[in-house]
Amino acid sequence: MKTGNVIIIAPIDDDYAYKELKKLSVFIYEVPKQNNKFNKISSIIKMNAFILKERYNGSFFICHFIVTFLSCYFSLVPLNKKLLIYTEGLGSIFLRYPWARYLLKFLLVRNNAVRLFCNKSERDLLGNKDDIITNGIGVDIDKFKNKFRKNINENYKYKLIYIGRLIKDKGVIDIIDAFKILKIKNYNVELTLVGDIYPNNPSSLSEKEIDSIKSEFGNDIRFVSFTNDIKKLYELSDILLLASYREGFPVCVMEASSMGLPSVGYIVPGVEDAIIPGTNGLLAEFKNINELAYMIESLLQKDILEKYKTSSVNYANENFDSKLKAQELIDVVLTSYK
């Protein structure tokens, strides 16, 4: 017997999330992790079976990821009038190969589903002009509040932070190069890189490269692996750096804005939707490392950071509150399926 109205059909690959959802009385189907070829096939088969079961029960479906949409297409989509497809970001294959993108668009629009996209670029690439743009799922505004004010004096060392996978497409190398420019100009800055390496990804930083970076910059750069206590790192930081080559809608920008940190990134899909220049950060021309460094440099003043602290928090309260975002999603469901 299910203990709640919300049902999750997904591989159980995050023990923390699993426990938190259980606390909320969410019913979770037991789908194995996709950690090897056999489990991946088994996982997909079970997900499709559970979807068919819930379709028979009259359930309404929200599908959040493209890989799930494609893996479960034949059980999830045909003749289903209780389906919302929420595209939260494109995989590299769809960006690299136009034929894959055209095929995905064909599958996305030829159905009875309501379609939501995180940013305008993805809607234009994959959807119809009347599909909904959400600008992200929001963050817990009450959780991400910075009550501390730093004593910034002439000897203060400004603290920059990057949060994300340590791979090329996330712009981690660009950020290190921009940081190098700042150090050459003798700015008193340090950089914390929060994220993990991916040995199977050819664009990932390697342990050898990390050792070389540490050797070059010493204590001015530190690497922190994935952590559940990200708020503490925001509290210790002044500026978020996000030089991704593309995003759905970056959660780290929403979190940083809520904490009063301005963000610096490139003018690329997703990032340009989240960062409003002069309000909660600044934007640089794509792959222009010198301009990226200049944008960071322009924020390294006490008065400027104080201004952005206020405007970033105000913008986050109005645009990034997960409670408001959740209500908007509920309204879409209720309006679409009366």
C-alpha atoms as a PDB file:
ATOM      1  CA  MET A   1       0.000   0.000   0.000  1.00  0.00           C
ATOM      2  CA  LYS A   2       1.480   3.386  -0.992  1.00  0.00           C
ATOM      3  CA  THR A   3       1.911   5.800   1.910  1.00  0.00           C
ATOM      4  CA  GLY A   4       1.657   9.053  -0.040  1.00  0.00           C
ATOM      5  CA  ASN A   5       0.304  10.772  -3.126  1.00  0.00           C
ATOM      6  CA  VAL A   6       3.753  11.301  -4.635  1.00  0.00           C
ATOM      7  CA  ILE A   7       5.485   8.330  -6.285  1.00  0.00           C
ATOM      8  CA  ILE A   8       9.096   8.201  -7.479  1.00  0.00           C
ATOM      9  CA  ILE A   9      10.212   5.905 -10.315  1.00  0.00           C
ATOM     10  CA  ALA A  10      13.999   6.261 -10.583  1.00  0.00           C
ATOM     11  CA  PRO A  11      17.236   4.367  -9.852  1.00  0.00           C
ATOM     12  CA  ILE A  12      18.119   4.579  -6.165  1.00  0.00           C
ATOM     13  CA  ASP A  13      21.594   6.087  -6.555  1.00  0.00           C
ATOM     14  CA  ASP A  14      21.550   8.704  -3.784  1.00  0.00           C
ATOM     15  CA  ASP A  15      21.144   7.379  -0.243  1.00  0.00           C
ATOM     16  CA  TYR A  16      20.742  10.861   1.247  1.00  0.00           C
ATOM     17  CA  ALA A  17      17.935  11.812  -1.157  1.00  0.00           C
ATOM     18  CA  TYR A  18      16.304   8.416  -0.611  1.00  0.00           C
ATOM     19  CA  LYS A  19      16.162   8.935   3.173  1.00  0.00           C
ATOM     20  CA  GLU A  20      14.888  12.503   2.863  1.00  0.00           C
ATOM     21  CA  LEU A  21      12.104  11.456   0.462  1.00  0.00           C
ATOM     22  CA  LYS A  22      11.111   8.639   2.795  1.00  0.00           C
ATOM     23  CA  LYS A  23      10.759  11.169   5.622  1.00  0.00           C
ATOM     24  CA  LEU A  24       8.244  12.993   3.427  1.00  0.00           C
ATOM     25  CA  SER A  25       6.219   9.767   3.011  1.00  0.00           C
ATOM     26  CA  VAL A  26       7.038   9.569  -0.687  1.00  0.00           C
ATOM     27  CA  PHE A  27       6.526   6.108  -2.170  1.00  0.00           C
ATOM     28  CA  ILE A  28       9.661   4.993  -4.039  1.00  0.00           C
ATOM     29  CA  TYR A  29       9.747   2.068  -6.422  1.00  0.00           C
ATOM     30  CA  GLU A  30      12.840  -0.075  -5.914  1.00  0.00           C
ATOM     31  CA  VAL A  31      14.818   0.468  -9.118  1.00  0.00           C
ATOM     32  CA  PRO A  32      18.470  -0.719  -9.083  1.00  0.00           C
ATOM     33  CA  LYS A  33      21.441   1.584  -9.621  1.00  0.00           C
ATOM     34  CA  GLN A  34      22.743   1.738 -13.182  1.00  0.00           C
ATOM     35  CA  ASN A  35      26.327   0.936 -12.146  1.00  0.00           C
ATOM     36  CA  ASN A  36      26.956  -1.793 -14.748  1.00  0.00           C
ATOM     37  CA  LYS A  37      25.509  -2.965 -18.053  1.00  0.00           C
ATOM     38  CA  PHE A  38      23.280  -5.656 -16.527  1.00  0.00           C
ATOM     39  CA  ASN A  39      21.867  -3.310 -13.859  1.00  0.00           C
ATOM     40  CA  LYS A  40      21.287  -0.613 -16.457  1.00  0.00           C
ATOM     41  CA  ILE A  41      19.167  -2.943 -18.588  1.00  0.00           C
ATOM     42  CA  SER A  42      17.358  -4.255 -15.510  1.00  0.00           C
ATOM     43  CA  SER A  43      16.740  -0.698 -14.302  1.00  0.00           C
ATOM     44  CA  ILE A  44      15.222   0.409 -17.610  1.00  0.00           C
ATOM     45  CA  ILE A  45      12.976  -2.669 -17.790  1.00  0.00           C
ATOM     46  CA  LYS A  46      11.712  -2.112 -14.241  1.00  0.00           C
ATOM     47  CA  MET A  47      11.101   1.597 -14.791  1.00  0.00           C
ATOM     48  CA  ASN A  48       9.010   0.871 -17.866  1.00  0.00           C
ATOM     49  CA  ALA A  49       7.043  -1.796 -15.997  1.00  0.00           C
ATOM     50  CA  PHE A  50       6.319   0.533 -13.078  1.00  0.00           C
ATOM     51  CA  ILE A  51       5.253   3.303 -15.463  1.00  0.00           C
ATOM     52  CA  LEU A  52       2.750   0.978 -17.161  1.00  0.00           C
ATOM     53  CA  LYS A  53       1.450  -0.034 -13.744  1.00  0.00           C
ATOM     54  CA  GLU A  54       0.929   3.582 -12.717  1.00  0.00           C
ATOM     55  CA  ARG A  55      -0.676   4.450 -16.025  1.00  0.00           C
ATOM     56  CA  TYR A  56      -3.208   1.722 -15.284  1.00  0.00           C
ATOM     57  CA  ASN A  57      -3.739   3.356 -11.867  1.00  0.00           C
ATOM     58  CA  GLY A  58      -4.459   6.705 -13.560  1.00  0.00           C
ATOM     59  CA  SER A  59      -1.348   8.507 -12.276  1.00  0.00           C
ATOM     60  CA  PHE A  60      -0.130  11.842 -13.586  1.00  0.00           C
ATOM     61  CA  PHE A  61       3.537  11.804 -14.689  1.00  0.00           C
ATOM     62  CA  ILE A  62       6.268  14.438 -14.516  1.00  0.00           C
ATOM     63  CA  CYS A  63       9.383  13.357 -16.436  1.00  0.00           C
ATOM     64  CA  HIS A  64      12.446  15.452 -15.560  1.00  0.00           C
ATOM     65  CA  PHE A  65      15.355  14.158 -17.614  1.00  0.00           C
ATOM     66  CA  ILE A  66      15.943  13.530 -21.308  1.00  0.00           C
ATOM     67  CA  VAL A  67      17.621  10.184 -20.638  1.00  0.00           C
ATOM     68  CA  THR A  68      14.522   9.055 -18.693  1.00  0.00           C
ATOM     69  CA  PHE A  69      12.233  10.318 -21.434  1.00  0.00           C
ATOM     70  CA  LEU A  70      14.126   8.335 -24.075  1.00  0.00           C
ATOM     71  CA  SER A  71      14.616   5.190 -21.950  1.00  0.00           C
ATOM     72  CA  CYS A  72      10.918   5.031 -21.082  1.00  0.00           C
ATOM     73  CA  TYR A  73       9.443   6.561 -24.222  1.00  0.00           C
ATOM     74  CA  PHE A  74       7.248   3.652 -25.292  1.00  0.00           C
ATOM     75  CA  SER A  75       5.686   3.131 -21.861  1.00  0.00           C
ATOM     76  CA  LEU A  76       5.498   6.807 -20.923  1.00  0.00           C
ATOM     77  CA  VAL A  77       4.428   8.733 -24.011  1.00  0.00           C
ATOM     78  CA  PRO A  78       1.982   7.065 -26.464  1.00  0.00           C
ATOM     79  CA  LEU A  79      -1.634   8.122 -25.841  1.00  0.00           C
ATOM     80  CA  ASN A  80      -0.729   9.534 -22.419  1.00  0.00           C
ATOM     81  CA  LYS A  81      -2.745  12.666 -21.660  1.00  0.00           C
ATOM     82  CA  LYS A  82      -1.400  12.942 -18.126  1.00  0.00           C
ATOM     83  CA  LEU A  83       2.219  13.766 -18.875  1.00  0.00           C
ATOM     84  CA  LEU A  84       4.450  16.762 -18.233  1.00  0.00           C
ATOM     85  CA  ILE A  85       7.957  16.711 -19.718  1.00  0.00           C
ATOM     86  CA  TYR A  86      10.413  18.995 -17.931  1.00  0.00           C
ATOM     87  CA  THR A  87      13.677  19.406 -19.866  1.00  0.00           C
ATOM     88  CA  GLU A  88      16.381  20.564 -17.457  1.00  0.00           C
ATOM     89  CA  GLY A  89      19.437  20.512 -19.718  1.00  0.00           C
ATOM     90  CA  LEU A  90      20.846  19.052 -22.918  1.00  0.00           C
ATOM     91  CA  GLY A  91      23.420  16.275 -23.080  1.00  0.00           C
ATOM     92  CA  SER A  92      26.551  16.774 -25.161  1.00  0.00           C
ATOM     93  CA  ILE A  93      25.386  14.362 -27.885  1.00  0.00           C
ATOM     94  CA  PHE A  94      22.412  16.610 -28.709  1.00  0.00           C
ATOM     95  CA  LEU A  95      24.613  19.684 -28.869  1.00  0.00           C
ATOM     96  CA  ARG A  96      27.258  17.985 -30.996  1.00  0.00           C
ATOM     97  CA  TYR A  97      25.025  16.236 -33.546  1.00  0.00           C
ATOM     98  CA  PRO A  98      22.158  18.118 -35.259  1.00  0.00           C
ATOM     99  CA  TRP A  99      20.502  14.860 -36.332  1.00  0.00           C
ATOM    100  CA  ALA A 100      20.219  13.769 -32.672  1.00  0.00           C
ATOM    101  CA  ARG A 101      18.697  17.125 -31.767  1.00  0.00           C
ATOM    102  CA  TYR A 102      16.153  16.928 -34.611  1.00  0.00           C
ATOM    103  CA  LEU A 103      15.173  13.412 -33.559  1.00  0.00           C
ATOM    104  CA  LEU A 104      14.774  14.476 -29.938  1.00  0.00           C
ATOM    105  CA  LYS A 105      12.607  17.439 -30.946  1.00  0.00           C
ATOM    106  CA  PHE A 106      10.419  15.163 -33.071  1.00  0.00           C
ATOM    107  CA  LEU A 107       9.873  12.856 -30.096  1.00  0.00           C
ATOM    108  CA  LEU A 108       9.286  15.728 -27.672  1.00  0.00           C
ATOM    109  CA  VAL A 109       6.659  17.627 -29.662  1.00  0.00           C
ATOM    110  CA  ARG A 110       4.703  14.743 -31.218  1.00  0.00           C
ATOM    111  CA  ASN A 111       2.689  13.826 -28.146  1.00  0.00           C
ATOM    112  CA  ASN A 112      -0.020  15.051 -25.776  1.00  0.00           C
ATOM    113  CA  ALA A 113       2.394  16.227 -23.084  1.00  0.00           C
ATOM    114  CA  VAL A 114       2.801  19.664 -21.585  1.00  0.00           C
ATOM    115  CA  ARG A 115       6.411  20.749 -22.105  1.00  0.00           C
ATOM    116  CA  LEU A 116       8.525  22.874 -19.774  1.00  0.00           C
ATOM    117  CA  PHE A 117      12.035  24.155 -20.464  1.00  0.00           C
ATOM    118  CA  CYS A 118      14.523  25.787 -18.097  1.00  0.00           C
ATOM    119  CA  ASN A 119      15.628  28.440 -20.563  1.00  0.00           C
ATOM    120  CA  LYS A 120      14.609  30.083 -23.834  1.00  0.00           C
ATOM    121  CA  SER A 121      17.432  28.541 -25.873  1.00  0.00           C
ATOM    122  CA  GLU A 122      16.322  24.989 -25.118  1.00  0.00           C
ATOM    123  CA  ARG A 123      12.699  25.858 -25.819  1.00  0.00           C
ATOM    124  CA  ASP A 124      13.690  27.301 -29.187  1.00  0.00           C
ATOM    125  CA  LEU A 125      15.835  24.253 -30.022  1.00  0.00           C
ATOM    126  CA  LEU A 126      13.490  21.489 -28.907  1.00  0.00           C
ATOM    127  CA  GLY A 127       9.988  22.787 -28.317  1.00  0.00           C
ATOM    128  CA  ASN A 128       7.178  24.903 -29.690  1.00  0.00           C
ATOM    129  CA  LYS A 129       6.835  28.638 -29.194  1.00  0.00           C
ATOM    130  CA  ASP A 130       3.941  28.228 -26.747  1.00  0.00           C
ATOM    131  CA  ASP A 131       5.845  25.800 -24.470  1.00  0.00           C
ATOM    132  CA  ILE A 132       6.625  27.074 -20.975  1.00  0.00           C
ATOM    133  CA  ILE A 133       9.961  28.546 -19.832  1.00  0.00           C
ATOM    134  CA  THR A 134      10.438  28.107 -16.069  1.00  0.00           C
ATOM    135  CA  ASN A 135      13.846  29.714 -15.417  1.00  0.00           C
ATOM    136  CA  GLY A 136      14.835  26.937 -13.054  1.00  0.00           C
ATOM    137  CA  ILE A 137      13.290  24.992 -10.211  1.00  0.00           C
ATOM    138  CA  GLY A 138      14.402  27.425  -7.519  1.00  0.00           C
ATOM    139  CA  VAL A 139      16.200  26.939  -4.193  1.00  0.00           C
ATOM    140  CA  ASP A 140      15.269  27.021  -0.525  1.00  0.00           C
ATOM    141  CA  ILE A 141      15.519  30.757   0.119  1.00  0.00           C
ATOM    142  CA  ASP A 142      15.143  30.276   3.882  1.00  0.00           C
ATOM    143  CA  LYS A 143      18.109  27.883   3.940  1.00  0.00           C
ATOM    144  CA  PHE A 144      20.441  29.967   1.790  1.00  0.00           C
ATOM    145  CA  LYS A 145      20.640  33.147   3.791  1.00  0.00           C
ATOM    146  CA  ASN A 146      23.962  34.745   4.690  1.00  0.00           C
ATOM    147  CA  LYS A 147      23.760  36.438   8.094  1.00  0.00           C
ATOM    148  CA  PHE A 148      27.455  37.217   8.236  1.00  0.00           C
ATOM    149  CA  ARG A 149      29.174  40.431   7.132  1.00  0.00           C
ATOM    150  CA  LYS A 150      32.873  40.222   6.397  1.00  0.00           C
ATOM    151  CA  ASN A 151      35.337  42.808   7.671  1.00  0.00           C
ATOM    152  CA  ILE A 152      36.840  43.816   4.337  1.00  0.00           C
ATOM    153  CA  ASN A 153      39.913  45.997   4.809  1.00  0.00           C
ATOM    154  CA  GLU A 154      42.925  46.864   2.659  1.00  0.00           C
ATOM    155  CA  ASN A 155      44.625  43.559   3.508  1.00  0.00           C
ATOM    156  CA  TYR A 156      41.545  41.426   2.872  1.00  0.00           C
ATOM    157  CA  LYS A 157      41.956  38.405   0.595  1.00  0.00           C
ATOM    158  CA  TYR A 158      38.923  38.112  -1.695  1.00  0.00           C
ATOM    159  CA  LYS A 159      37.550  34.596  -1.899  1.00  0.00           C
ATOM    160  CA  LEU A 160      36.348  33.189  -5.213  1.00  0.00           C
ATOM    161  CA  ILE A 161      34.428  29.930  -5.484  1.00  0.00           C
ATOM    162  CA  TYR A 162      33.630  27.496  -8.298  1.00  0.00           C
ATOM    163  CA  ILE A 163      31.053  24.725  -7.838  1.00  0.00           C
ATOM    164  CA  GLY A 164      30.664  21.943 -10.391  1.00  0.00           C
ATOM    165  CA  ARG A 165      32.292  18.990 -12.061  1.00  0.00           C
ATOM    166  CA  LEU A 166      35.983  19.488 -12.803  1.00  0.00           C
ATOM    167  CA  ILE A 167      35.582  19.145 -16.578  1.00  0.00           C
ATOM    168  CA  LYS A 168      36.275  21.395 -19.549  1.00  0.00           C
ATOM    169  CA  ASP A 169      32.627  22.033 -20.499  1.00  0.00           C
ATOM    170  CA  LYS A 170      31.987  23.449 -17.030  1.00  0.00           C
ATOM    171  CA  GLY A 171      34.707  26.023 -17.644  1.00  0.00           C
ATOM    172  CA  VAL A 172      36.996  25.018 -14.802  1.00  0.00           C
ATOM    173  CA  ILE A 173      40.113  25.513 -16.939  1.00  0.00           C
ATOM    174  CA  ASP A 174      38.878  28.947 -18.040  1.00  0.00           C
ATOM    175  CA  ILE A 175      38.378  29.923 -14.406  1.00  0.00           C
ATOM    176  CA  ILE A 176      41.896  28.826 -13.446  1.00  0.00           C
ATOM    177  CA  ASP A 177      43.299  30.820 -16.396  1.00  0.00           C
ATOM    178  CA  ALA A 178      41.305  33.923 -15.341  1.00  0.00           C
ATOM    179  CA  PHE A 179      42.532  33.454 -11.768  1.00  0.00           C
ATOM    180  CA  LYS A 180      46.099  33.339 -13.077  1.00  0.00           C
ATOM    181  CA  ILE A 181      45.571  36.745 -14.735  1.00  0.00           C
ATOM    182  CA  LEU A 182      44.349  38.191 -11.444  1.00  0.00           C
ATOM    183  CA  LYS A 183      47.403  36.851  -9.616  1.00  0.00           C
ATOM    184  CA  ILE A 184      49.736  38.282 -12.271  1.00  0.00           C
ATOM    185  CA  LYS A 185      48.072  41.660 -11.612  1.00  0.00           C
ATOM    186  CA  ASN A 186      48.827  41.139  -7.908  1.00  0.00           C
ATOM    187  CA  TYR A 187      45.228  40.980  -6.744  1.00  0.00           C
ATOM    188  CA  ASN A 188      44.838  39.514  -3.276  1.00  0.00           C
ATOM    189  CA  VAL A 189      42.528  36.618  -4.163  1.00  0.00           C
ATOM    190  CA  GLU A 190      42.141  32.922  -3.467  1.00  0.00           C
ATOM    191  CA  LEU A 191      40.067  30.293  -5.282  1.00  0.00           C
ATOM    192  CA  THR A 192      38.146  27.290  -3.973  1.00  0.00           C
ATOM    193  CA  LEU A 193      37.139  24.660  -6.542  1.00  0.00           C
ATOM    194  CA  VAL A 194      34.293  22.467  -5.290  1.00  0.00           C
ATOM    195  CA  GLY A 195      33.668  19.291  -7.271  1.00  0.00           C
ATOM    196  CA  ASP A 196      34.974  15.907  -8.312  1.00  0.00           C
ATOM    197  CA  ILE A 197      37.107  14.695 -11.191  1.00  0.00           C
ATOM    198  CA  TYR A 198      35.736  12.175 -13.702  1.00  0.00           C
ATOM    199  CA  PRO A 199      38.506   9.769 -14.801  1.00  0.00           C
ATOM    200  CA  ASN A 200      36.358   8.347 -17.617  1.00  0.00           C
ATOM    201  CA  ASN A 201      35.711  11.804 -19.063  1.00  0.00           C
ATOM    202  CA  PRO A 202      38.571  12.895 -21.381  1.00  0.00           C
ATOM    203  CA  SER A 203      37.936  16.581 -20.581  1.00  0.00           C
ATOM    204  CA  SER A 204      38.196  16.083 -16.818  1.00  0.00           C
ATOM    205  CA  LEU A 205      41.104  17.402 -14.805  1.00  0.00           C
ATOM    206  CA  SER A 206      43.416  14.595 -13.767  1.00  0.00           C
ATOM    207  CA  GLU A 207      45.071  14.082 -10.393  1.00  0.00           C
ATOM    208  CA  LYS A 208      48.389  14.975 -12.041  1.00  0.00           C
ATOM    209  CA  GLU A 209      46.971  18.258 -13.360  1.00  0.00           C
ATOM    210  CA  ILE A 210      45.525  19.095  -9.954  1.00  0.00           C
ATOM    211  CA  ASP A 211      48.901  18.478  -8.331  1.00  0.00           C
ATOM    212  CA  SER A 212      50.500  20.787 -10.909  1.00  0.00           C
ATOM    213  CA  ILE A 213      47.917  23.523 -10.223  1.00  0.00           C
ATOM    214  CA  LYS A 214      48.469  23.229  -6.474  1.00  0.00           C
ATOM    215  CA  SER A 215      52.207  23.461  -7.019  1.00  0.00           C
ATOM    216  CA  GLU A 216      51.816  26.613  -9.133  1.00  0.00           C
ATOM    217  CA  PHE A 217      49.420  28.509  -6.852  1.00  0.00           C
ATOM    218  CA  GLY A 218      50.156  27.037  -3.427  1.00  0.00           C
ATOM    219  CA  ASN A 219      47.604  27.932  -0.752  1.00  0.00           C
ATOM    220  CA  ASP A 220      45.816  30.372  -3.050  1.00  0.00           C
ATOM    221  CA  ILE A 221      43.931  27.489  -4.685  1.00  0.00           C
ATOM    222  CA  ARG A 222      42.259  24.641  -2.854  1.00  0.00           C
ATOM    223  CA  PHE A 223      40.218  21.710  -4.122  1.00  0.00           C
ATOM    224  CA  VAL A 224      37.177  20.477  -2.205  1.00  0.00           C
ATOM    225  CA  SER A 225      35.325  17.351  -3.268  1.00  0.00           C
ATOM    226  CA  PHE A 226      31.537  17.064  -3.282  1.00  0.00           C
ATOM    227  CA  THR A 227      29.955  18.172   0.004  1.00  0.00           C
ATOM    228  CA  ASN A 228      26.447  18.363   1.453  1.00  0.00           C
ATOM    229  CA  ASP A 229      27.402  21.442   3.497  1.00  0.00           C
ATOM    230  CA  ILE A 230      27.728  23.843   0.577  1.00  0.00           C
ATOM    231  CA  LYS A 231      26.208  26.758   2.526  1.00  0.00           C
ATOM    232  CA  LYS A 232      29.284  27.048   4.744  1.00  0.00           C
ATOM    233  CA  LEU A 233      31.496  27.425   1.655  1.00  0.00           C
ATOM    234  CA  TYR A 234      29.237  30.177   0.320  1.00  0.00           C
ATOM    235  CA  GLU A 235      29.473  31.965   3.676  1.00  0.00           C
ATOM    236  CA  LEU A 236      33.261  31.970   3.369  1.00  0.00           C
ATOM    237  CA  SER A 237      33.194  33.280  -0.228  1.00  0.00           C
ATOM    238  CA  ASP A 238      32.676  36.608  -1.999  1.00  0.00           C
ATOM    239  CA  ILE A 239      32.100  35.794  -5.699  1.00  0.00           C
ATOM    240  CA  LEU A 240      30.806  32.730  -7.541  1.00  0.00           C
ATOM    241  CA  LEU A 241      32.555  31.846 -10.820  1.00  0.00           C
ATOM    242  CA  LEU A 242      30.611  29.865 -13.428  1.00  0.00           C
ATOM    243  CA  ALA A 243      32.288  29.640 -16.837  1.00  0.00           C
ATOM    244  CA  SER A 244      30.140  26.791 -18.171  1.00  0.00           C
ATOM    245  CA  TYR A 245      29.791  26.455 -21.912  1.00  0.00           C
ATOM    246  CA  ARG A 246      26.074  25.789 -21.481  1.00  0.00           C
ATOM    247  CA  GLU A 247      23.591  25.225 -18.635  1.00  0.00           C
ATOM    248  CA  GLY A 248      19.950  24.349 -18.145  1.00  0.00           C
ATOM    249  CA  PHE A 249      19.471  26.816 -15.312  1.00  0.00           C
ATOM    250  CA  PRO A 250      22.377  26.808 -12.839  1.00  0.00           C
ATOM    251  CA  VAL A 251      21.403  25.999  -9.253  1.00  0.00           C
ATOM    252  CA  CYS A 252      24.681  27.403  -7.936  1.00  0.00           C
ATOM    253  CA  VAL A 253      23.787  30.877  -9.249  1.00  0.00           C
ATOM    254  CA  MET A 254      20.424  30.730  -7.472  1.00  0.00           C
ATOM    255  CA  GLU A 255      22.102  29.608  -4.243  1.00  0.00           C
ATOM    256  CA  ALA A 256      24.845  32.214  -4.489  1.00  0.00           C
ATOM    257  CA  SER A 257      22.356  35.011  -5.206  1.00  0.00           C
ATOM    258  CA  SER A 258      20.300  33.968  -2.178  1.00  0.00           C
ATOM    259  CA  MET A 259      23.472  34.180  -0.088  1.00  0.00           C
ATOM    260  CA  GLY A 260      24.303  37.647  -1.445  1.00  0.00           C
ATOM    261  CA  LEU A 261      27.185  36.574  -3.707  1.00  0.00           C
ATOM    262  CA  PRO A 262      27.412  38.019  -7.231  1.00  0.00           C
ATOM    263  CA  SER A 263      28.139  35.492 -10.000  1.00  0.00           C
ATOM    264  CA  VAL A 264      30.416  35.847 -13.021  1.00  0.00           C
ATOM    265  CA  GLY A 265      29.912  33.724 -16.121  1.00  0.00           C
ATOM    266  CA  TYR A 266      29.769  33.614 -19.896  1.00  0.00           C
ATOM    267  CA  ILE A 267      27.010  34.828 -22.196  1.00  0.00           C
ATOM    268  CA  VAL A 268      25.734  31.322 -22.957  1.00  0.00           C
ATOM    269  CA  PRO A 269      22.315  29.605 -22.663  1.00  0.00           C
ATOM    270  CA  GLY A 270      21.218  29.050 -19.098  1.00  0.00           C
ATOM    271  CA  VAL A 271      23.921  31.220 -17.560  1.00  0.00           C
ATOM    272  CA  GLU A 272      22.696  34.396 -19.266  1.00  0.00           C
ATOM    273  CA  ASP A 273      19.166  33.511 -18.119  1.00  0.00           C
ATOM    274  CA  ALA A 274      20.266  33.251 -14.470  1.00  0.00           C
ATOM    275  CA  ILE A 275      22.743  36.150 -14.221  1.00  0.00           C
ATOM    276  CA  ILE A 276      21.349  39.636 -14.749  1.00  0.00           C
ATOM    277  CA  PRO A 277      24.322  42.012 -15.248  1.00  0.00           C
ATOM    278  CA  GLY A 278      24.373  44.726 -12.616  1.00  0.00           C
ATOM    279  CA  THR A 279      21.839  42.900 -10.429  1.00  0.00           C
ATOM    280  CA  ASN A 280      23.223  39.524  -9.344  1.00  0.00           C
ATOM    281  CA  GLY A 281      26.459  39.357 -11.305  1.00  0.00           C
ATOM    282  CA  LEU A 282      28.294  40.050 -14.556  1.00  0.00           C
ATOM    283  CA  LEU A 283      28.698  38.305 -17.912  1.00  0.00           C
ATOM    284  CA  ALA A 284      31.683  37.989 -20.235  1.00  0.00           C
ATOM    285  CA  GLU A 285      31.917  37.115 -23.905  1.00  0.00           C
ATOM    286  CA  PHE A 286      32.104  33.341 -24.417  1.00  0.00           C
ATOM    287  CA  LYS A 287      35.668  31.989 -24.002  1.00  0.00           C
ATOM    288  CA  ASN A 288      37.103  35.475 -23.558  1.00  0.00           C
ATOM    289  CA  ILE A 289      39.388  34.753 -20.604  1.00  0.00           C
ATOM    290  CA  ASN A 290      40.674  38.325 -20.366  1.00  0.00           C
ATOM    291  CA  GLU A 291      37.135  39.704 -20.161  1.00  0.00           C
ATOM    292  CA  LEU A 292      36.194  37.025 -17.638  1.00  0.00           C
ATOM    293  CA  ALA A 293      39.133  38.117 -15.475  1.00  0.00           C
ATOM    294  CA  TYR A 294      38.178  41.783 -15.919  1.00  0.00           C
ATOM    295  CA  MET A 295      34.596  41.116 -14.773  1.00  0.00           C
ATOM    296  CA  ILE A 296      35.903  39.421 -11.621  1.00  0.00           C
ATOM    297  CA  GLU A 297      38.381  42.239 -11.104  1.00  0.00           C
ATOM    298  CA  SER A 298      35.611  44.867 -11.275  1.00  0.00           C
ATOM    299  CA  LEU A 299      33.880  43.242  -8.284  1.00  0.00           C
ATOM    300  CA  LEU A 300      36.922  43.256  -5.993  1.00  0.00           C
ATOM    301  CA  GLN A 301      35.865  46.283  -3.967  1.00  0.00           C
ATOM    302  CA  LYS A 302      34.071  46.441  -0.638  1.00  0.00           C
ATOM    303  CA  ASP A 303      31.412  48.950  -1.763  1.00  0.00           C
ATOM    304  CA  ILE A 304      30.695  47.008  -4.958  1.00  0.00           C
ATOM    305  CA  LEU A 305      30.262  43.729  -3.085  1.00  0.00           C
ATOM    306  CA  GLU A 306      27.931  45.402  -0.575  1.00  0.00           C
ATOM    307  CA  LYS A 307      25.783  46.708  -3.431  1.00  0.00           C
ATOM    308  CA  TYR A 308      25.592  43.273  -5.032  1.00  0.00           C
ATOM    309  CA  LYS A 309      24.838  41.618  -1.717  1.00  0.00           C
ATOM    310  CA  THR A 310      21.598  43.593  -1.466  1.00  0.00           C
ATOM    311  CA  SER A 311      20.541  43.402  -5.106  1.00  0.00           C
ATOM    312  CA  SER A 312      21.393  39.686  -5.430  1.00  0.00           C
ATOM    313  CA  VAL A 313      19.323  38.743  -2.385  1.00  0.00           C
ATOM    314  CA  ASN A 314      16.387  40.860  -3.549  1.00  0.00           C
ATOM    315  CA  TYR A 315      16.501  39.299  -7.001  1.00  0.00           C
ATOM    316  CA  ALA A 316      16.699  35.783  -5.543  1.00  0.00           C
ATOM    317  CA  ASN A 317      13.722  36.411  -3.272  1.00  0.00           C
ATOM    318  CA  GLU A 318      11.625  37.496  -6.235  1.00  0.00           C
ATOM    319  CA  ASN A 319      12.797  34.958  -8.821  1.00  0.00           C
ATOM    320  CA  PHE A 320      14.480  31.903  -7.241  1.00  0.00           C
ATOM    321  CA  ASP A 321      12.196  30.885  -4.361  1.00  0.00           C
ATOM    322  CA  SER A 322      11.533  27.137  -4.721  1.00  0.00           C
ATOM    323  CA  LYS A 323       8.157  27.505  -2.966  1.00  0.00           C
ATOM    324  CA  LEU A 324       6.983  29.928  -5.628  1.00  0.00           C
ATOM    325  CA  LYS A 325       8.434  27.723  -8.370  1.00  0.00           C
ATOM    326  CA  ALA A 326       6.668  24.661  -6.956  1.00  0.00           C
ATOM    327  CA  GLN A 327       3.351  26.522  -6.866  1.00  0.00           C
ATOM    328  CA  GLU A 328       3.861  27.608 -10.484  1.00  0.00           C
ATOM    329  CA  LEU A 329       4.392  23.958 -11.458  1.00  0.00           C
ATOM    330  CA  ILE A 330       1.260  22.895  -9.572  1.00  0.00           C
ATOM    331  CA  ASP A 331      -0.703  25.645 -11.325  1.00  0.00           C
ATOM    332  CA  VAL A 332       0.505  24.369 -14.710  1.00  0.00           C
ATOM    333  CA  VAL A 333      -0.622  20.840 -13.872  1.00  0.00           C
ATOM    334  CA  LEU A 334      -4.021  21.965 -12.588  1.00  0.00           C
ATOM    335  CA  THR A 335      -4.585  24.286 -15.547  1.00  0.00           C
ATOM    336  CA  SER A 336      -3.535  21.713 -18.146  1.00  0.00           C
ATOM    337  CA  TYR A 337      -5.410  18.727 -16.728  1.00  0.00           C
ATOM    338  CA  LYS A 338      -8.675  19.910 -15.183  1.00  0.00           C
END
